[in-house]
Amino acid sequence: MSRNPQANPIRLTRAQVREIDRRSIEEFHIPGVVLMENAARAVTAVALEMLRGVDDPSVLIVCGGGNNGGDGLAVARHLHNHRVDVEIVFDPNAGNYRGEAAVNLEIVRAMRLPTTSIWDADIPLAGGVVDLVVDALFGTGLQTPPREPQWIDLMNEYAVPVLAVDIPSGLDCDTGEPLGPACVRATRTVTFVAEKKGFANPNARQYLGEVIVGDIGCPRELIDAIAGRPPA
């Protein structure tokens, strides 16, 4: 993971992110589940750092469908294995989880980790006090205002740090502007492979918090080629 600001950091568009993922899997034969596992470990490391010094920590992890939600499910089991109490809010429609995300949903279910439907409006009260919220609701693929923004509002209402997975939910990857009236205001954001194009927008800083780049194992040569950076 990288925290140090660079003079000319790589910043990727939504389309470039998808291309790197696709080619890492198809051309370099890196299984998608390995990329997701690496992403989850990067987020888990930062989450544990944010929980340092907290006795009996508790974490609420809000998982949407798709790969961002799959990342969150994987983070949940890693935190559980570090003896952190986790409460997972997820989409109970298993059909919304495919591929690697579906694999992690099955693991979470096999481990019998606590889960609650994302449609259950009582979860903020039922969950009790938490020490950290992990935002794995929407990822870089979001291009329209969230249809159900209430969970974004609820995450912002918790008086605890928020850790965003890849990008704060509701923020446009390419512009760095909220897609609608609701956008997560993260304390830290662990973004994968490289910063996103929209992160250069000064207005995005209030939503991103501290940005940390997590290495998920995509080949450096591939990232440089797609970003248009000449070889070192």
C-alpha atoms as a PDB file:
ATOM      1  CA  MET A   1       0.000   0.000   0.000  1.00  0.00           C
ATOM      2  CA  SER A   2       1.124   3.512  -0.735  1.00  0.00           C
ATOM      3  CA  ARG A   3       0.389   6.651   1.255  1.00  0.00           C
ATOM      4  CA  ASN A   4       3.120   8.945  -0.022  1.00  0.00           C
ATOM      5  CA  PRO A   5       1.879  11.579  -2.459  1.00  0.00           C
ATOM      6  CA  GLN A   6       3.622  11.506  -5.823  1.00  0.00           C
ATOM      7  CA  ALA A   7       4.385  14.465  -8.045  1.00  0.00           C
ATOM      8  CA  ASN A   8       2.616  12.791 -10.980  1.00  0.00           C
ATOM      9  CA  PRO A   9       0.505   9.913  -9.623  1.00  0.00           C
ATOM     10  CA  ILE A  10      -1.231   7.569 -12.018  1.00  0.00           C
ATOM     11  CA  ARG A  11      -4.939   8.327 -12.115  1.00  0.00           C
ATOM     12  CA  LEU A  12      -7.259   5.949 -13.921  1.00  0.00           C
ATOM     13  CA  THR A  13     -10.668   6.394 -15.509  1.00  0.00           C
ATOM     14  CA  ARG A  14     -13.522   3.985 -14.950  1.00  0.00           C
ATOM     15  CA  ALA A  15     -12.889   2.416 -18.362  1.00  0.00           C
ATOM     16  CA  GLN A  16      -9.173   1.988 -17.648  1.00  0.00           C
ATOM     17  CA  VAL A  17      -9.893   0.285 -14.335  1.00  0.00           C
ATOM     18  CA  ARG A  18     -12.156  -2.211 -16.067  1.00  0.00           C
ATOM     19  CA  GLU A  19      -9.559  -2.839 -18.763  1.00  0.00           C
ATOM     20  CA  ILE A  20      -6.820  -3.511 -16.221  1.00  0.00           C
ATOM     21  CA  ASP A  21      -9.045  -5.972 -14.389  1.00  0.00           C
ATOM     22  CA  ARG A  22     -10.045  -7.709 -17.607  1.00  0.00           C
ATOM     23  CA  ARG A  23      -6.541  -8.049 -18.985  1.00  0.00           C
ATOM     24  CA  SER A  24      -5.055  -9.087 -15.638  1.00  0.00           C
ATOM     25  CA  ILE A  25      -7.484 -11.999 -15.641  1.00  0.00           C
ATOM     26  CA  GLU A  26      -7.527 -12.898 -19.339  1.00  0.00           C
ATOM     27  CA  GLU A  27      -3.949 -12.181 -20.446  1.00  0.00           C
ATOM     28  CA  PHE A  28      -1.950 -12.616 -17.251  1.00  0.00           C
ATOM     29  CA  HIS A  29      -4.072 -15.487 -15.893  1.00  0.00           C
ATOM     30  CA  ILE A  30      -4.554 -13.938 -12.446  1.00  0.00           C
ATOM     31  CA  PRO A  31      -7.820 -15.353 -11.102  1.00  0.00           C
ATOM     32  CA  GLY A  32     -10.360 -12.687 -10.266  1.00  0.00           C
ATOM     33  CA  VAL A  33     -10.820 -14.170  -6.813  1.00  0.00           C
ATOM     34  CA  VAL A  34      -7.101 -13.565  -6.154  1.00  0.00           C
ATOM     35  CA  LEU A  35      -7.487  -9.894  -7.077  1.00  0.00           C
ATOM     36  CA  MET A  36     -10.491  -9.616  -4.748  1.00  0.00           C
ATOM     37  CA  GLU A  37      -8.634 -11.361  -1.949  1.00  0.00           C
ATOM     38  CA  ASN A  38      -5.687  -8.982  -2.314  1.00  0.00           C
ATOM     39  CA  ALA A  39      -8.068  -6.018  -2.285  1.00  0.00           C
ATOM     40  CA  ALA A  40      -9.738  -7.274   0.889  1.00  0.00           C
ATOM     41  CA  ARG A  41      -6.405  -7.765   2.631  1.00  0.00           C
ATOM     42  CA  ALA A  42      -5.378  -4.200   1.769  1.00  0.00           C
ATOM     43  CA  VAL A  43      -8.606  -2.829   3.264  1.00  0.00           C
ATOM     44  CA  THR A  44      -8.348  -5.092   6.300  1.00  0.00           C
ATOM     45  CA  ALA A  45      -4.840  -3.849   7.089  1.00  0.00           C
ATOM     46  CA  VAL A  46      -6.047  -0.241   7.138  1.00  0.00           C
ATOM     47  CA  ALA A  47      -9.159  -1.157   9.155  1.00  0.00           C
ATOM     48  CA  LEU A  48      -7.028  -2.850  11.814  1.00  0.00           C
ATOM     49  CA  GLU A  49      -4.793   0.200  11.930  1.00  0.00           C
ATOM     50  CA  MET A  50      -7.836   2.426  12.470  1.00  0.00           C
ATOM     51  CA  LEU A  51      -8.986   0.130  15.293  1.00  0.00           C
ATOM     52  CA  ARG A  52      -5.635   0.081  17.065  1.00  0.00           C
ATOM     53  CA  GLY A  53      -6.054   0.664  20.783  1.00  0.00           C
ATOM     54  CA  VAL A  54      -9.799  -0.088  20.741  1.00  0.00           C
ATOM     55  CA  ASP A  55     -10.867  -2.772  23.202  1.00  0.00           C
ATOM     56  CA  ASP A  56     -13.249  -5.380  21.772  1.00  0.00           C
ATOM     57  CA  PRO A  57     -13.709  -3.530  18.473  1.00  0.00           C
ATOM     58  CA  SER A  58     -16.912  -3.756  16.481  1.00  0.00           C
ATOM     59  CA  VAL A  59     -17.261  -2.963  12.787  1.00  0.00           C
ATOM     60  CA  LEU A  60     -20.305  -2.420  10.595  1.00  0.00           C
ATOM     61  CA  ILE A  61     -19.685  -3.392   6.955  1.00  0.00           C
ATOM     62  CA  VAL A  62     -22.217  -2.183   4.393  1.00  0.00           C
ATOM     63  CA  CYS A  63     -22.058  -4.332   1.248  1.00  0.00           C
ATOM     64  CA  GLY A  64     -23.900  -3.646  -1.978  1.00  0.00           C
ATOM     65  CA  GLY A  65     -24.185  -6.128  -4.794  1.00  0.00           C
ATOM     66  CA  GLY A  66     -21.379  -6.599  -7.279  1.00  0.00           C
ATOM     67  CA  ASN A  67     -17.631  -6.685  -6.759  1.00  0.00           C
ATOM     68  CA  ASN A  68     -17.506  -3.789  -4.293  1.00  0.00           C
ATOM     69  CA  GLY A  69     -19.871  -5.713  -2.068  1.00  0.00           C
ATOM     70  CA  GLY A  70     -17.769  -8.834  -2.610  1.00  0.00           C
ATOM     71  CA  ASP A  71     -14.725  -6.928  -1.381  1.00  0.00           C
ATOM     72  CA  GLY A  72     -16.678  -5.965   1.725  1.00  0.00           C
ATOM     73  CA  LEU A  73     -17.734  -9.555   2.391  1.00  0.00           C
ATOM     74  CA  ALA A  74     -14.108 -10.673   2.157  1.00  0.00           C
ATOM     75  CA  VAL A  75     -13.048  -7.863   4.507  1.00  0.00           C
ATOM     76  CA  ALA A  76     -15.670  -9.050   6.995  1.00  0.00           C
ATOM     77  CA  ARG A  77     -14.234 -12.543   7.247  1.00  0.00           C
ATOM     78  CA  HIS A  78     -10.665 -11.265   7.564  1.00  0.00           C
ATOM     79  CA  LEU A  79     -11.684  -8.916  10.380  1.00  0.00           C
ATOM     80  CA  HIS A  80     -13.577 -11.766  12.041  1.00  0.00           C
ATOM     81  CA  ASN A  81     -10.437 -13.879  11.891  1.00  0.00           C
ATOM     82  CA  HIS A  82      -8.639 -11.023  13.681  1.00  0.00           C
ATOM     83  CA  ARG A  83     -11.241 -11.342  16.463  1.00  0.00           C
ATOM     84  CA  VAL A  84     -13.126  -8.204  15.490  1.00  0.00           C
ATOM     85  CA  ASP A  85     -16.894  -8.305  15.950  1.00  0.00           C
ATOM     86  CA  VAL A  86     -18.461  -7.719  12.551  1.00  0.00           C
ATOM     87  CA  GLU A  87     -22.011  -6.955  11.483  1.00  0.00           C
ATOM     88  CA  ILE A  88     -22.595  -7.306   7.735  1.00  0.00           C
ATOM     89  CA  VAL A  89     -25.355  -5.422   6.000  1.00  0.00           C
ATOM     90  CA  PHE A  90     -25.822  -6.969   2.548  1.00  0.00           C
ATOM     91  CA  ASP A  91     -28.221  -7.428  -0.337  1.00  0.00           C
ATOM     92  CA  PRO A  92     -30.099 -10.663   0.438  1.00  0.00           C
ATOM     93  CA  ASN A  93     -30.753 -11.234  -3.277  1.00  0.00           C
ATOM     94  CA  ALA A  94     -27.909 -13.641  -3.965  1.00  0.00           C
ATOM     95  CA  GLY A  95     -28.441 -13.141  -7.697  1.00  0.00           C
ATOM     96  CA  ASN A  96     -26.860  -9.700  -7.378  1.00  0.00           C
ATOM     97  CA  TYR A  97     -23.569 -11.323  -6.390  1.00  0.00           C
ATOM     98  CA  ARG A  98     -21.752 -13.009  -9.245  1.00  0.00           C
ATOM     99  CA  GLY A  99     -18.379 -14.586  -9.796  1.00  0.00           C
ATOM    100  CA  GLU A 100     -15.898 -13.710  -7.079  1.00  0.00           C
ATOM    101  CA  ALA A 101     -18.500 -11.789  -5.071  1.00  0.00           C
ATOM    102  CA  ALA A 102     -20.737 -14.878  -4.998  1.00  0.00           C
ATOM    103  CA  VAL A 103     -17.787 -16.967  -3.788  1.00  0.00           C
ATOM    104  CA  ASN A 104     -17.250 -14.619  -0.860  1.00  0.00           C
ATOM    105  CA  LEU A 105     -20.953 -14.583  -0.036  1.00  0.00           C
ATOM    106  CA  GLU A 106     -20.893 -18.375   0.225  1.00  0.00           C
ATOM    107  CA  ILE A 107     -17.821 -18.218   2.489  1.00  0.00           C
ATOM    108  CA  VAL A 108     -19.483 -15.679   4.779  1.00  0.00           C
ATOM    109  CA  ARG A 109     -22.584 -17.853   4.977  1.00  0.00           C
ATOM    110  CA  ALA A 110     -20.530 -20.973   5.683  1.00  0.00           C
ATOM    111  CA  MET A 111     -18.749 -19.091   8.487  1.00  0.00           C
ATOM    112  CA  ARG A 112     -22.147 -17.986   9.810  1.00  0.00           C
ATOM    113  CA  LEU A 113     -21.093 -14.392  10.227  1.00  0.00           C
ATOM    114  CA  PRO A 114     -23.847 -12.003  11.391  1.00  0.00           C
ATOM    115  CA  THR A 115     -25.737 -10.608   8.391  1.00  0.00           C
ATOM    116  CA  THR A 116     -28.720  -8.309   8.019  1.00  0.00           C
ATOM    117  CA  SER A 117     -30.663  -7.357   4.928  1.00  0.00           C
ATOM    118  CA  ILE A 118     -29.788  -3.981   3.476  1.00  0.00           C
ATOM    119  CA  TRP A 119     -33.536  -3.370   3.233  1.00  0.00           C
ATOM    120  CA  ASP A 120     -33.985  -3.640   7.000  1.00  0.00           C
ATOM    121  CA  ALA A 121     -34.408  -0.051   8.190  1.00  0.00           C
ATOM    122  CA  ASP A 122     -33.926  -1.070  11.841  1.00  0.00           C
ATOM    123  CA  ILE A 123     -30.304  -2.177  11.493  1.00  0.00           C
ATOM    124  CA  PRO A 124     -28.703   1.119  12.623  1.00  0.00           C
ATOM    125  CA  LEU A 125     -30.458   0.732  15.979  1.00  0.00           C
ATOM    126  CA  ALA A 126     -30.171  -3.053  16.164  1.00  0.00           C
ATOM    127  CA  GLY A 127     -26.454  -2.959  15.449  1.00  0.00           C
ATOM    128  CA  GLY A 128     -25.677  -0.971  18.586  1.00  0.00           C
ATOM    129  CA  VAL A 129     -22.453   0.939  18.998  1.00  0.00           C
ATOM    130  CA  VAL A 130     -19.700   0.329  16.447  1.00  0.00           C
ATOM    131  CA  ASP A 131     -16.143   1.625  16.273  1.00  0.00           C
ATOM    132  CA  LEU A 132     -15.747   1.711  12.482  1.00  0.00           C
ATOM    133  CA  VAL A 133     -17.979   1.652   9.417  1.00  0.00           C
ATOM    134  CA  VAL A 134     -16.685   0.054   6.202  1.00  0.00           C
ATOM    135  CA  ASP A 135     -18.348   1.422   3.061  1.00  0.00           C
ATOM    136  CA  ALA A 136     -18.529  -1.306   0.405  1.00  0.00           C
ATOM    137  CA  LEU A 137     -21.865  -0.196  -1.010  1.00  0.00           C
ATOM    138  CA  PHE A 138     -21.038   1.187  -4.471  1.00  0.00           C
ATOM    139  CA  GLY A 139     -17.807   1.057  -6.441  1.00  0.00           C
ATOM    140  CA  THR A 140     -16.253   2.804  -9.422  1.00  0.00           C
ATOM    141  CA  GLY A 141     -18.895   1.390 -11.776  1.00  0.00           C
ATOM    142  CA  LEU A 142     -21.639   3.640 -10.375  1.00  0.00           C
ATOM    143  CA  GLN A 143     -22.637   6.212 -13.018  1.00  0.00           C
ATOM    144  CA  THR A 144     -26.095   7.350 -11.897  1.00  0.00           C
ATOM    145  CA  PRO A 145     -27.450   8.679  -8.597  1.00  0.00           C
ATOM    146  CA  PRO A 146     -27.999   5.829  -6.117  1.00  0.00           C
ATOM    147  CA  ARG A 147     -31.621   4.706  -6.138  1.00  0.00           C
ATOM    148  CA  GLU A 148     -31.532   3.900  -2.418  1.00  0.00           C
ATOM    149  CA  PRO A 149     -29.409   6.652  -0.842  1.00  0.00           C
ATOM    150  CA  GLN A 150     -30.566   6.075   2.730  1.00  0.00           C
ATOM    151  CA  TRP A 151     -27.614   3.853   3.600  1.00  0.00           C
ATOM    152  CA  ILE A 152     -25.196   6.539   2.478  1.00  0.00           C
ATOM    153  CA  ASP A 153     -26.941   8.969   4.793  1.00  0.00           C
ATOM    154  CA  LEU A 154     -26.873   6.455   7.643  1.00  0.00           C
ATOM    155  CA  MET A 155     -23.148   5.782   7.239  1.00  0.00           C
ATOM    156  CA  ASN A 156     -22.499   9.513   7.391  1.00  0.00           C
ATOM    157  CA  GLU A 157     -24.612   9.799  10.536  1.00  0.00           C
ATOM    158  CA  TYR A 158     -22.512   7.335  12.528  1.00  0.00           C
ATOM    159  CA  ALA A 159     -20.198   9.299  14.801  1.00  0.00           C
ATOM    160  CA  VAL A 160     -17.275   6.976  14.029  1.00  0.00           C
ATOM    161  CA  PRO A 161     -14.602   6.822  11.294  1.00  0.00           C
ATOM    162  CA  VAL A 162     -15.670   5.532   7.875  1.00  0.00           C
ATOM    163  CA  LEU A 163     -13.354   3.478   5.662  1.00  0.00           C
ATOM    164  CA  ALA A 164     -14.335   3.471   1.975  1.00  0.00           C
ATOM    165  CA  VAL A 165     -13.554   0.484  -0.246  1.00  0.00           C
ATOM    166  CA  ASP A 166     -12.026   1.727  -3.532  1.00  0.00           C
ATOM    167  CA  ILE A 167     -14.182   4.889  -3.681  1.00  0.00           C
ATOM    168  CA  PRO A 168     -16.716   6.541  -1.365  1.00  0.00           C
ATOM    169  CA  SER A 169     -20.198   5.417  -2.341  1.00  0.00           C
ATOM    170  CA  GLY A 170     -21.943   8.003  -4.479  1.00  0.00           C
ATOM    171  CA  LEU A 171     -18.763   9.649  -5.810  1.00  0.00           C
ATOM    172  CA  ASP A 172     -18.200   9.621  -9.570  1.00  0.00           C
ATOM    173  CA  CYS A 173     -14.933   7.884 -10.444  1.00  0.00           C
ATOM    174  CA  ASP A 174     -14.145  10.127 -13.406  1.00  0.00           C
ATOM    175  CA  THR A 175     -15.308  13.562 -12.235  1.00  0.00           C
ATOM    176  CA  GLY A 176     -14.762  13.447  -8.479  1.00  0.00           C
ATOM    177  CA  GLU A 177     -18.235  14.931  -7.992  1.00  0.00           C
ATOM    178  CA  PRO A 178     -21.163  13.309  -6.159  1.00  0.00           C
ATOM    179  CA  LEU A 179     -23.597  11.643  -8.544  1.00  0.00           C
ATOM    180  CA  GLY A 180     -26.547  12.788  -6.474  1.00  0.00           C
ATOM    181  CA  PRO A 181     -27.391  14.448  -3.162  1.00  0.00           C
ATOM    182  CA  ALA A 182     -25.942  11.570  -1.095  1.00  0.00           C
ATOM    183  CA  CYS A 183     -22.236  10.698  -0.954  1.00  0.00           C
ATOM    184  CA  VAL A 184     -20.216   8.986   1.760  1.00  0.00           C
ATOM    185  CA  ARG A 185     -17.743  11.210   3.574  1.00  0.00           C
ATOM    186  CA  ALA A 186     -14.923   8.799   4.344  1.00  0.00           C
ATOM    187  CA  THR A 187     -12.173   9.199   6.886  1.00  0.00           C
ATOM    188  CA  ARG A 188      -9.914   7.076   4.692  1.00  0.00           C
ATOM    189  CA  THR A 189     -10.280   5.518   1.257  1.00  0.00           C
ATOM    190  CA  VAL A 190      -8.340   2.436   0.203  1.00  0.00           C
ATOM    191  CA  THR A 191      -8.399   2.599  -3.589  1.00  0.00           C
ATOM    192  CA  PHE A 192      -7.103  -0.239  -5.738  1.00  0.00           C
ATOM    193  CA  VAL A 193      -4.325  -0.287  -8.338  1.00  0.00           C
ATOM    194  CA  ALA A 194      -4.028   3.514  -8.569  1.00  0.00           C
ATOM    195  CA  GLU A 195      -5.883   6.690  -7.742  1.00  0.00           C
ATOM    196  CA  LYS A 196      -8.916   7.418  -9.860  1.00  0.00           C
ATOM    197  CA  LYS A 197      -9.171  10.345 -12.279  1.00  0.00           C
ATOM    198  CA  GLY A 198     -11.771  12.138 -10.205  1.00  0.00           C
ATOM    199  CA  PHE A 199      -9.516  12.185  -7.140  1.00  0.00           C
ATOM    200  CA  ALA A 200      -7.664  15.128  -8.689  1.00  0.00           C
ATOM    201  CA  ASN A 201     -10.798  17.252  -8.256  1.00  0.00           C
ATOM    202  CA  PRO A 202     -10.265  19.409  -5.133  1.00  0.00           C
ATOM    203  CA  ASN A 203     -13.954  19.002  -4.287  1.00  0.00           C
ATOM    204  CA  ALA A 204     -13.465  15.238  -3.935  1.00  0.00           C
ATOM    205  CA  ARG A 205     -11.192  15.602  -0.906  1.00  0.00           C
ATOM    206  CA  GLN A 206     -14.081  16.161   1.491  1.00  0.00           C
ATOM    207  CA  TYR A 207     -15.446  12.737   0.546  1.00  0.00           C
ATOM    208  CA  LEU A 208     -12.200  10.795   0.147  1.00  0.00           C
ATOM    209  CA  GLY A 209     -10.384  11.623   3.364  1.00  0.00           C
ATOM    210  CA  GLU A 210      -6.888  10.143   3.366  1.00  0.00           C
ATOM    211  CA  VAL A 211      -6.291   8.135   0.191  1.00  0.00           C
ATOM    212  CA  ILE A 212      -4.270   4.936   0.357  1.00  0.00           C
ATOM    213  CA  VAL A 213      -3.468   2.942  -2.790  1.00  0.00           C
ATOM    214  CA  GLY A 214      -3.776  -0.806  -2.302  1.00  0.00           C
ATOM    215  CA  ASP A 215      -1.736  -3.109  -4.541  1.00  0.00           C
ATOM    216  CA  ILE A 216      -3.954  -6.015  -5.608  1.00  0.00           C
ATOM    217  CA  GLY A 217      -1.406  -7.754  -7.825  1.00  0.00           C
ATOM    218  CA  CYS A 218      -2.097  -6.358 -11.292  1.00  0.00           C
ATOM    219  CA  PRO A 219       1.119  -6.312 -13.353  1.00  0.00           C
ATOM    220  CA  ARG A 220       2.942  -2.968 -13.222  1.00  0.00           C
ATOM    221  CA  GLU A 221       3.666  -3.089 -16.958  1.00  0.00           C
ATOM    222  CA  LEU A 222      -0.046  -3.453 -17.698  1.00  0.00           C
ATOM    223  CA  ILE A 223      -0.984  -0.525 -15.451  1.00  0.00           C
ATOM    224  CA  ASP A 224       1.669   1.718 -17.027  1.00  0.00           C
ATOM    225  CA  ALA A 225       0.613   0.745 -20.549  1.00  0.00           C
ATOM    226  CA  ILE A 226      -3.066   1.458 -19.983  1.00  0.00           C
ATOM    227  CA  ALA A 227      -2.340   4.670 -18.088  1.00  0.00           C
ATOM    228  CA  GLY A 228      -0.094   5.828 -20.934  1.00  0.00           C
ATOM    229  CA  ARG A 229       2.976   6.043 -18.734  1.00  0.00           C
ATOM    230  CA  PRO A 230       6.312   5.199 -20.436  1.00  0.00           C
ATOM    231  CA  PRO A 231       8.239   2.257 -18.995  1.00  0.00           C
ATOM    232  CA  ALA A 232      10.674   3.110 -16.212  1.00  0.00           C
END
